[in-house]
Amino acid sequence: MVSSRGVRHDSMRARNLSVVLATIHRSGPATRAALAERTGLTKTTVSSLVADLLEAGVVAEGGVVRGGERGGPAWRSG
């Protein structure tokens, strides 16, 4: 039996994945730091979500960081 807490966590994670993916789609390539700022999620949460999206082949690492932005490589929808 799945606890209601587990269900809430899963639905929140799915919602956060959607938010991150929609932000990448709408705004274009972005660093994890920029995604965290745009979505209001923590950098740790964004990093975990981006790792899941990378593993699923939904986003790809762009490797280019625009001038002045902090953070790791840019991500784009795949």
PDB file of N, CA and C in Angstrom:
ATOM      1  N   MET A   1       0.833  -1.173   0.000  1.00  0.00           N
ATOM      2  CA  MET A   1       0.000   0.000   0.000  1.00  0.00           C
ATOM      3  C   MET A   1       0.885   1.246   0.000  1.00  0.00           C
ATOM      4  N   VAL A   2       0.560   2.224  -0.802  1.00  0.00           N
ATOM      5  CA  VAL A   2       1.312   3.463  -0.901  1.00  0.00           C
ATOM      6  C   VAL A   2       0.710   4.477   0.058  1.00  0.00           C
ATOM      7  N   SER A   3       1.565   5.117   0.836  1.00  0.00           N
ATOM      8  CA  SER A   3       1.060   6.135   1.761  1.00  0.00           C
ATOM      9  C   SER A   3       0.648   7.378   0.979  1.00  0.00           C
ATOM     10  N   SER A   4      -0.239   8.166   1.583  1.00  0.00           N
ATOM     11  CA  SER A   4      -0.665   9.398   0.920  1.00  0.00           C
ATOM     12  C   SER A   4       0.498  10.365   0.794  1.00  0.00           C
ATOM     13  N   ARG A   5       1.461  10.283   1.706  1.00  0.00           N
ATOM     14  CA  ARG A   5       2.638  11.138   1.618  1.00  0.00           C
ATOM     15  C   ARG A   5       3.446  10.799   0.367  1.00  0.00           C
ATOM     16  N   GLY A   6       3.596   9.511   0.059  1.00  0.00           N
ATOM     17  CA  GLY A   6       4.305   9.092  -1.145  1.00  0.00           C
ATOM     18  C   GLY A   6       3.612   9.564  -2.410  1.00  0.00           C
ATOM     19  N   VAL A   7       2.297   9.528  -2.395  1.00  0.00           N
ATOM     20  CA  VAL A   7       1.524   9.985  -3.551  1.00  0.00           C
ATOM     21  C   VAL A   7       1.695  11.483  -3.728  1.00  0.00           C
ATOM     22  N   ARG A   8       1.650  12.232  -2.631  1.00  0.00           N
ATOM     23  CA  ARG A   8       1.834  13.692  -2.717  1.00  0.00           C
ATOM     24  C   ARG A   8       3.227  14.021  -3.235  1.00  0.00           C
ATOM     25  N   HIS A   9       4.236  13.288  -2.762  1.00  0.00           N
ATOM     26  CA  HIS A   9       5.607  13.518  -3.212  1.00  0.00           C
ATOM     27  C   HIS A   9       5.709  13.249  -4.712  1.00  0.00           C
ATOM     28  N   ASP A  10       5.150  12.137  -5.160  1.00  0.00           N
ATOM     29  CA  ASP A  10       5.199  11.787  -6.583  1.00  0.00           C
ATOM     30  C   ASP A  10       4.480  12.821  -7.441  1.00  0.00           C
ATOM     31  N   SER A  11       3.331  13.279  -6.986  1.00  0.00           N
ATOM     32  CA  SER A  11       2.585  14.257  -7.785  1.00  0.00           C
ATOM     33  C   SER A  11       3.302  15.609  -7.778  1.00  0.00           C
ATOM     34  N   MET A  12       3.936  15.967  -6.674  1.00  0.00           N
ATOM     35  CA  MET A  12       4.701  17.218  -6.607  1.00  0.00           C
ATOM     36  C   MET A  12       5.915  17.135  -7.517  1.00  0.00           C
ATOM     37  N   ARG A  13       6.587  15.990  -7.532  1.00  0.00           N
ATOM     38  CA  ARG A  13       7.751  15.818  -8.401  1.00  0.00           C
ATOM     39  C   ARG A  13       7.325  15.908  -9.877  1.00  0.00           C
ATOM     40  N   ALA A  14       6.216  15.285 -10.217  1.00  0.00           N
ATOM     41  CA  ALA A  14       5.714  15.346 -11.597  1.00  0.00           C
ATOM     42  C   ALA A  14       5.377  16.790 -11.971  1.00  0.00           C
ATOM     43  N   ARG A  15       4.765  17.514 -11.036  1.00  0.00           N
ATOM     44  CA  ARG A  15       4.434  18.917 -11.287  1.00  0.00           C
ATOM     45  C   ARG A  15       5.714  19.726 -11.491  1.00  0.00           C
ATOM     46  N   ASN A  16       6.712  19.510 -10.633  1.00  0.00           N
ATOM     47  CA  ASN A  16       7.974  20.242 -10.751  1.00  0.00           C
ATOM     48  C   ASN A  16       8.704  19.912 -12.051  1.00  0.00           C
ATOM     49  N   LEU A  17       8.658  18.657 -12.477  1.00  0.00           N
ATOM     50  CA  LEU A  17       9.240  18.283 -13.771  1.00  0.00           C
ATOM     51  C   LEU A  17       8.569  19.060 -14.897  1.00  0.00           C
ATOM     52  N   SER A  18       7.255  19.155 -14.836  1.00  0.00           N
ATOM     53  CA  SER A  18       6.505  19.906 -15.853  1.00  0.00           C
ATOM     54  C   SER A  18       6.886  21.378 -15.851  1.00  0.00           C
ATOM     55  N   VAL A  19       7.042  21.942 -14.674  1.00  0.00           N
ATOM     56  CA  VAL A  19       7.407  23.354 -14.553  1.00  0.00           C
ATOM     57  C   VAL A  19       8.783  23.603 -15.164  1.00  0.00           C
ATOM     58  N   VAL A  20       9.750  22.760 -14.840  1.00  0.00           N
ATOM     59  CA  VAL A  20      11.104  22.922 -15.368  1.00  0.00           C
ATOM     60  C   VAL A  20      11.106  22.754 -16.890  1.00  0.00           C
ATOM     61  N   LEU A  21      10.454  21.729 -17.375  1.00  0.00           N
ATOM     62  CA  LEU A  21      10.421  21.491 -18.824  1.00  0.00           C
ATOM     63  C   LEU A  21       9.709  22.626 -19.559  1.00  0.00           C
ATOM     64  N   ALA A  22       8.604  23.107 -19.029  1.00  0.00           N
ATOM     65  CA  ALA A  22       7.882  24.228 -19.649  1.00  0.00           C
ATOM     66  C   ALA A  22       8.748  25.485 -19.662  1.00  0.00           C
ATOM     67  N   THR A  23       9.509  25.700 -18.606  1.00  0.00           N
ATOM     68  CA  THR A  23      10.389  26.870 -18.534  1.00  0.00           C
ATOM     69  C   THR A  23      11.491  26.779 -19.581  1.00  0.00           C
ATOM     70  N   ILE A  24      12.087  25.605 -19.742  1.00  0.00           N
ATOM     71  CA  ILE A  24      13.109  25.414 -20.776  1.00  0.00           C
ATOM     72  C   ILE A  24      12.500  25.620 -22.159  1.00  0.00           C
ATOM     73  N   HIS A  25      11.329  25.068 -22.367  1.00  0.00           N
ATOM     74  CA  HIS A  25      10.666  25.183 -23.672  1.00  0.00           C
ATOM     75  C   HIS A  25      10.342  26.645 -23.989  1.00  0.00           C
ATOM     76  N   ARG A  26       9.836  27.354 -22.993  1.00  0.00           N
ATOM     77  CA  ARG A  26       9.404  28.743 -23.182  1.00  0.00           C
ATOM     78  C   ARG A  26      10.591  29.699 -23.291  1.00  0.00           C
ATOM     79  N   SER A  27      11.599  29.514 -22.439  1.00  0.00           N
ATOM     80  CA  SER A  27      12.688  30.482 -22.341  1.00  0.00           C
ATOM     81  C   SER A  27      13.950  30.088 -23.090  1.00  0.00           C
ATOM     82  N   GLY A  28      14.030  28.843 -23.531  1.00  0.00           N
ATOM     83  CA  GLY A  28      15.225  28.387 -24.227  1.00  0.00           C
ATOM     84  C   GLY A  28      16.273  27.879 -23.260  1.00  0.00           C
ATOM     85  N   PRO A  29      17.476  27.593 -23.754  1.00  0.00           N
ATOM     86  CA  PRO A  29      18.535  27.029 -22.919  1.00  0.00           C
ATOM     87  C   PRO A  29      18.782  27.882 -21.682  1.00  0.00           C
ATOM     88  N   ALA A  30      19.031  27.210 -20.569  1.00  0.00           N
ATOM     89  CA  ALA A  30      19.255  27.917 -19.313  1.00  0.00           C
ATOM     90  C   ALA A  30      20.125  27.075 -18.394  1.00  0.00           C
ATOM     91  N   THR A  31      20.878  27.736 -17.543  1.00  0.00           N
ATOM     92  CA  THR A  31      21.654  27.030 -16.534  1.00  0.00           C
ATOM     93  C   THR A  31      20.711  26.568 -15.430  1.00  0.00           C
ATOM     94  N   ARG A  32      21.207  25.670 -14.595  1.00  0.00           N
ATOM     95  CA  ARG A  32      20.407  25.227 -13.447  1.00  0.00           C
ATOM     96  C   ARG A  32      20.086  26.407 -12.538  1.00  0.00           C
ATOM     97  N   ALA A  33      21.066  27.298 -12.350  1.00  0.00           N
ATOM     98  CA  ALA A  33      20.843  28.474 -11.500  1.00  0.00           C
ATOM     99  C   ALA A  33      19.728  29.353 -12.071  1.00  0.00           C
ATOM    100  N   ALA A  34      19.744  29.548 -13.384  1.00  0.00           N
ATOM    101  CA  ALA A  34      18.700  30.360 -14.020  1.00  0.00           C
ATOM    102  C   ALA A  34      17.345  29.668 -13.927  1.00  0.00           C
ATOM    103  N   LEU A  35      17.330  28.351 -14.120  1.00  0.00           N
ATOM    104  CA  LEU A  35      16.065  27.612 -13.990  1.00  0.00           C
ATOM    105  C   LEU A  35      15.517  27.708 -12.570  1.00  0.00           C
ATOM    106  N   ALA A  36      16.398  27.621 -11.585  1.00  0.00           N
ATOM    107  CA  ALA A  36      15.961  27.740 -10.194  1.00  0.00           C
ATOM    108  C   ALA A  36      15.348  29.120  -9.960  1.00  0.00           C
ATOM    109  N   GLU A  37      15.994  30.134 -10.468  1.00  0.00           N
ATOM    110  CA  GLU A  37      15.490  31.494 -10.295  1.00  0.00           C
ATOM    111  C   GLU A  37      14.143  31.682 -10.993  1.00  0.00           C
ATOM    112  N   ARG A  38      14.021  31.170 -12.207  1.00  0.00           N
ATOM    113  CA  ARG A  38      12.787  31.346 -12.990  1.00  0.00           C
ATOM    114  C   ARG A  38      11.615  30.541 -12.444  1.00  0.00           C
ATOM    115  N   THR A  39      11.916  29.388 -11.849  1.00  0.00           N
ATOM    116  CA  THR A  39      10.835  28.511 -11.379  1.00  0.00           C
ATOM    117  C   THR A  39      10.519  28.678  -9.900  1.00  0.00           C
ATOM    118  N   GLY A  40      11.458  29.251  -9.143  1.00  0.00           N
ATOM    119  CA  GLY A  40      11.276  29.353  -7.702  1.00  0.00           C
ATOM    120  C   GLY A  40      11.653  28.081  -6.957  1.00  0.00           C
ATOM    121  N   LEU A  41      12.178  27.095  -7.672  1.00  0.00           N
ATOM    122  CA  LEU A  41      12.641  25.851  -7.046  1.00  0.00           C
ATOM    123  C   LEU A  41      14.088  26.022  -6.603  1.00  0.00           C
ATOM    124  N   THR A  42      14.544  25.174  -5.686  1.00  0.00           N
ATOM    125  CA  THR A  42      15.939  25.249  -5.257  1.00  0.00           C
ATOM    126  C   THR A  42      16.852  24.695  -6.352  1.00  0.00           C
ATOM    127  N   LYS A  43      18.125  25.105  -6.314  1.00  0.00           N
ATOM    128  CA  LYS A  43      19.095  24.592  -7.284  1.00  0.00           C
ATOM    129  C   LYS A  43      19.243  23.081  -7.154  1.00  0.00           C
ATOM    130  N   THR A  44      19.186  22.571  -5.922  1.00  0.00           N
ATOM    131  CA  THR A  44      19.291  21.129  -5.697  1.00  0.00           C
ATOM    132  C   THR A  44      18.128  20.398  -6.356  1.00  0.00           C
ATOM    133  N   THR A  45      16.924  20.919  -6.189  1.00  0.00           N
ATOM    134  CA  THR A  45      15.743  20.308  -6.800  1.00  0.00           C
ATOM    135  C   THR A  45      15.850  20.356  -8.317  1.00  0.00           C
ATOM    136  N   VAL A  46      16.240  21.512  -8.859  1.00  0.00           N
ATOM    137  CA  VAL A  46      16.374  21.658 -10.315  1.00  0.00           C
ATOM    138  C   VAL A  46      17.420  20.679 -10.843  1.00  0.00           C
ATOM    139  N   SER A  47      18.547  20.543 -10.156  1.00  0.00           N
ATOM    140  CA  SER A  47      19.588  19.610 -10.602  1.00  0.00           C
ATOM    141  C   SER A  47      19.071  18.186 -10.653  1.00  0.00           C
ATOM    142  N   SER A  48      18.316  17.793  -9.640  1.00  0.00           N
ATOM    143  CA  SER A  48      17.745  16.444  -9.600  1.00  0.00           C
ATOM    144  C   SER A  48      16.735  16.237 -10.730  1.00  0.00           C
ATOM    145  N   LEU A  49      15.898  17.232 -10.959  1.00  0.00           N
ATOM    146  CA  LEU A  49      14.890  17.129 -12.017  1.00  0.00           C
ATOM    147  C   LEU A  49      15.547  17.094 -13.392  1.00  0.00           C
ATOM    148  N   VAL A  50      16.551  17.942 -13.602  1.00  0.00           N
ATOM    149  CA  VAL A  50      17.257  17.964 -14.893  1.00  0.00           C
ATOM    150  C   VAL A  50      17.954  16.629 -15.136  1.00  0.00           C
ATOM    151  N   ALA A  51      18.509  16.036 -14.087  1.00  0.00           N
ATOM    152  CA  ALA A  51      19.142  14.711 -14.235  1.00  0.00           C
ATOM    153  C   ALA A  51      18.116  13.685 -14.711  1.00  0.00           C
ATOM    154  N   ASP A  52      16.907  13.731 -14.156  1.00  0.00           N
ATOM    155  CA  ASP A  52      15.846  12.823 -14.596  1.00  0.00           C
ATOM    156  C   ASP A  52      15.470  13.079 -16.053  1.00  0.00           C
ATOM    157  N   LEU A  53      15.368  14.354 -16.424  1.00  0.00           N
ATOM    158  CA  LEU A  53      15.013  14.702 -17.807  1.00  0.00           C
ATOM    159  C   LEU A  53      16.120  14.304 -18.781  1.00  0.00           C
ATOM    160  N   LEU A  54      17.384  14.446 -18.357  1.00  0.00           N
ATOM    161  CA  LEU A  54      18.512  14.002 -19.192  1.00  0.00           C
ATOM    162  C   LEU A  54      18.464  12.494 -19.405  1.00  0.00           C
ATOM    163  N   GLU A  55      18.260  11.769 -18.320  1.00  0.00           N
ATOM    164  CA  GLU A  55      18.212  10.305 -18.385  1.00  0.00           C
ATOM    165  C   GLU A  55      17.085   9.827 -19.300  1.00  0.00           C
ATOM    166  N   ALA A  56      15.974  10.558 -19.296  1.00  0.00           N
ATOM    167  CA  ALA A  56      14.832  10.194 -20.140  1.00  0.00           C
ATOM    168  C   ALA A  56      15.016  10.666 -21.581  1.00  0.00           C
ATOM    169  N   GLY A  57      16.076  11.437 -21.845  1.00  0.00           N
ATOM    170  CA  GLY A  57      16.313  11.927 -23.201  1.00  0.00           C
ATOM    171  C   GLY A  57      15.423  13.089 -23.597  1.00  0.00           C
ATOM    172  N   VAL A  58      14.830  13.738 -22.612  1.00  0.00           N
ATOM    173  CA  VAL A  58      13.908  14.844 -22.881  1.00  0.00           C
ATOM    174  C   VAL A  58      14.652  16.163 -23.055  1.00  0.00           C
ATOM    175  N   VAL A  59      15.769  16.325 -22.349  1.00  0.00           N
ATOM    176  CA  VAL A  59      16.610  17.509 -22.514  1.00  0.00           C
ATOM    177  C   VAL A  59      18.024  17.061 -22.829  1.00  0.00           C
ATOM    178  N   ALA A  60      18.804  17.994 -23.353  1.00  0.00           N
ATOM    179  CA  ALA A  60      20.203  17.713 -23.681  1.00  0.00           C
ATOM    180  C   ALA A  60      21.073  18.823 -23.125  1.00  0.00           C
ATOM    181  N   GLU A  61      22.285  18.466 -22.760  1.00  0.00           N
ATOM    182  CA  GLU A  61      23.224  19.453 -22.266  1.00  0.00           C
ATOM    183  C   GLU A  61      23.724  20.268 -23.439  1.00  0.00           C
ATOM    184  N   GLY A  62      23.603  21.593 -23.323  1.00  0.00           N
ATOM    185  CA  GLY A  62      24.022  22.472 -24.408  1.00  0.00           C
ATOM    186  C   GLY A  62      25.474  22.883 -24.322  1.00  0.00           C
ATOM    187  N   GLY A  63      26.004  22.974 -23.106  1.00  0.00           N
ATOM    188  CA  GLY A  63      27.407  23.301 -22.924  1.00  0.00           C
ATOM    189  C   GLY A  63      27.771  24.755 -23.099  1.00  0.00           C
ATOM    190  N   VAL A  64      26.837  25.604 -23.505  1.00  0.00           N
ATOM    191  CA  VAL A  64      27.140  27.010 -23.719  1.00  0.00           C
ATOM    192  C   VAL A  64      26.429  27.814 -22.642  1.00  0.00           C
ATOM    193  N   VAL A  65      27.191  28.656 -21.967  1.00  0.00           N
ATOM    194  CA  VAL A  65      26.615  29.528 -20.955  1.00  0.00           C
ATOM    195  C   VAL A  65      26.743  30.955 -21.459  1.00  0.00           C
ATOM    196  N   ARG A  66      25.624  31.649 -21.514  1.00  0.00           N
ATOM    197  CA  ARG A  66      25.634  33.043 -21.969  1.00  0.00           C
ATOM    198  C   ARG A  66      26.397  33.897 -20.969  1.00  0.00           C
ATOM    199  N   GLY A  67      27.013  34.944 -21.457  1.00  0.00           N
ATOM    200  CA  GLY A  67      27.795  35.835 -20.612  1.00  0.00           C
ATOM    201  C   GLY A  67      27.016  36.343 -19.414  1.00  0.00           C
ATOM    202  N   GLY A  68      27.675  36.327 -18.269  1.00  0.00           N
ATOM    203  CA  GLY A  68      27.069  36.866 -17.072  1.00  0.00           C
ATOM    204  C   GLY A  68      26.221  35.897 -16.278  1.00  0.00           C
ATOM    205  N   GLU A  69      25.879  34.744 -16.821  1.00  0.00           N
ATOM    206  CA  GLU A  69      25.059  33.775 -16.082  1.00  0.00           C
ATOM    207  C   GLU A  69      25.950  32.877 -15.257  1.00  0.00           C
ATOM    208  N   ARG A  70      25.494  32.607 -14.037  1.00  0.00           N
ATOM    209  CA  ARG A  70      26.211  31.680 -13.173  1.00  0.00           C
ATOM    210  C   ARG A  70      25.627  30.298 -13.361  1.00  0.00           C
ATOM    211  N   GLY A  71      26.391  29.302 -12.959  1.00  0.00           N
ATOM    212  CA  GLY A  71      25.866  27.943 -12.971  1.00  0.00           C
ATOM    213  C   GLY A  71      26.572  27.064 -13.973  1.00  0.00           C
ATOM    214  N   GLY A  72      26.032  25.862 -14.123  1.00  0.00           N
ATOM    215  CA  GLY A  72      26.614  24.869 -15.013  1.00  0.00           C
ATOM    216  C   GLY A  72      26.170  25.068 -16.440  1.00  0.00           C
ATOM    217  N   PRO A  73      26.284  24.015 -17.237  1.00  0.00           N
ATOM    218  CA  PRO A  73      25.936  24.102 -18.654  1.00  0.00           C
ATOM    219  C   PRO A  73      24.458  24.422 -18.876  1.00  0.00           C
ATOM    220  N   ALA A  74      24.180  24.967 -20.023  1.00  0.00           N
ATOM    221  CA  ALA A  74      22.798  25.261 -20.382  1.00  0.00           C
ATOM    222  C   ALA A  74      22.085  23.981 -20.799  1.00  0.00           C
ATOM    223  N   TRP A  75      20.773  23.957 -20.585  1.00  0.00           N
ATOM    224  CA  TRP A  75      19.952  22.803 -20.943  1.00  0.00           C
ATOM    225  C   TRP A  75      18.936  23.233 -21.972  1.00  0.00           C
ATOM    226  N   ARG A  76      18.649  22.371 -22.893  1.00  0.00           N
ATOM    227  CA  ARG A  76      17.630  22.673 -23.900  1.00  0.00           C
ATOM    228  C   ARG A  76      16.745  21.450 -24.044  1.00  0.00           C
ATOM    229  N   SER A  77      15.518  21.682 -24.477  1.00  0.00           N
ATOM    230  CA  SER A  77      14.633  20.551 -24.676  1.00  0.00           C
ATOM    231  C   SER A  77      15.109  19.768 -25.878  1.00  0.00           C
ATOM    232  N   GLY A  78      14.976  18.439 -25.803  1.00  0.00           N
ATOM    233  CA  GLY A  78      15.528  17.558 -26.816  1.00  0.00           C
ATOM    234  C   GLY A  78      14.624  17.255 -27.932  1.00  0.00           C
TER     235      GLY A  78
END
